[in-house]
Amino acid sequence: MRTTMSIDERLLERAKHRARQCGQTPGQFVEASLRRELMSSSEQPEPPKVPVFDGGTPPPATINLRSGRDIAALFTDEDATRPGGGSR
């Protein structure tokens, strides 16, 4: 359905730019944006459940948890070969 609306020029330019980035026409972009905005909270998907692990032994304070090398050093060869361990 065609319709006429007044939209702030700067906002329209930003929408057109974003539509190009997404590979959409400006109309498709506006329609998708309106759909997202108008969804009721019951229609929105629930956020994913994040597992929380309580207990266990924390890593040593000397380990830099931002370092992949330090984290990898925590694991043994046995950890990598047991089911659910190692790279996929």
Protein backbone atom coordinates (compact mmCIF):
# COMPACT_ATOMS: atom_id res chain seq x y z
CA MET A 1 0.00 0.00 0.00
CA ARG A 2 1.31 3.41 -0.87
CA THR A 3 1.13 6.25 1.61
CA THR A 4 2.58 9.73 2.04
CA MET A 5 4.34 10.81 5.21
CA SER A 6 6.40 13.74 6.37
CA ILE A 7 9.77 12.57 7.72
CA ASP A 8 12.64 14.72 8.94
CA GLU A 9 15.14 15.00 6.05
CA ARG A 10 18.17 13.98 8.12
CA LEU A 11 16.31 10.98 9.53
CA LEU A 12 15.23 9.93 6.04
CA GLU A 13 18.79 10.18 4.73
CA ARG A 14 20.04 8.01 7.60
CA ALA A 15 17.27 5.48 6.90
CA LYS A 16 18.14 5.37 3.19
CA HIS A 17 21.82 4.91 4.02
CA ARG A 18 21.07 2.07 6.46
CA ALA A 19 18.71 0.46 3.93
CA ARG A 20 21.51 0.42 1.34
CA GLN A 21 23.85 -1.17 3.90
CA CYS A 22 21.25 -3.88 4.59
CA GLY A 23 20.51 -4.47 0.90
CA GLN A 24 16.94 -3.21 1.26
CA THR A 25 14.85 -0.55 -0.36
CA PRO A 26 13.96 2.40 1.87
CA GLY A 27 10.37 1.12 1.98
CA GLN A 28 11.46 -2.35 3.10
CA PHE A 29 13.68 -0.83 5.77
CA VAL A 30 10.92 1.42 7.13
CA GLU A 31 8.44 -1.48 7.13
CA ALA A 32 10.85 -3.79 9.00
CA SER A 33 11.60 -0.99 11.48
CA LEU A 34 7.90 -0.40 12.12
CA ARG A 35 7.30 -4.13 12.61
CA ARG A 36 10.05 -4.27 15.24
CA GLU A 37 8.76 -1.17 16.99
CA LEU A 38 5.16 -2.33 17.05
CA MET A 39 5.78 -5.84 18.35
CA SER A 40 4.24 -6.31 21.76
CA SER A 41 6.47 -7.61 24.51
CA SER A 42 4.69 -10.97 24.34
CA GLU A 43 5.62 -11.32 20.66
CA GLN A 44 9.29 -10.59 21.26
CA PRO A 45 11.47 -13.66 21.68
CA GLU A 46 12.70 -14.36 25.19
CA PRO A 47 16.37 -13.68 25.73
CA PRO A 48 18.47 -16.85 25.74
CA LYS A 49 19.02 -18.57 29.05
CA VAL A 50 22.57 -18.10 30.25
CA PRO A 51 23.89 -20.96 32.35
CA VAL A 52 25.28 -20.03 35.74
CA PHE A 53 27.86 -22.29 37.27
CA ASP A 54 28.13 -22.22 41.04
CA GLY A 55 30.90 -23.90 42.94
CA GLY A 56 33.95 -25.55 41.52
CA THR A 57 37.49 -24.34 41.78
CA PRO A 58 38.18 -20.85 40.46
CA PRO A 59 41.22 -20.27 38.29
CA PRO A 60 44.39 -19.19 40.07
CA ALA A 61 44.69 -15.45 40.65
CA THR A 62 47.87 -15.49 38.53
CA ILE A 63 45.88 -16.37 35.38
CA ASN A 64 45.01 -13.47 33.08
CA LEU A 65 41.45 -14.34 31.99
CA ARG A 66 41.82 -12.02 28.99
CA SER A 67 44.67 -14.12 27.63
CA GLY A 68 43.79 -17.10 25.45
CA ARG A 69 47.24 -18.55 26.07
CA ASP A 70 46.81 -18.38 29.87
CA ILE A 71 43.34 -19.94 29.66
CA ALA A 72 44.57 -22.73 27.37
CA ALA A 73 47.30 -23.50 29.89
CA LEU A 74 44.59 -24.37 32.42
CA PHE A 75 43.47 -27.36 30.37
CA THR A 76 45.23 -30.71 30.16
CA ASP A 77 45.37 -33.09 27.20
CA GLU A 78 42.77 -35.17 29.03
CA ASP A 79 40.35 -32.22 28.99
CA ALA A 80 40.72 -31.93 25.21
CA THR A 81 40.02 -35.63 24.54
CA ARG A 82 37.05 -36.22 26.85
CA PRO A 83 33.50 -35.86 25.42
CA GLY A 84 32.48 -32.22 25.22
CA GLY A 85 36.07 -31.01 25.54
CA GLY A 86 38.52 -29.65 23.05
CA SER A 87 37.91 -27.80 19.80
CA ARG A 88 35.03 -28.59 17.46
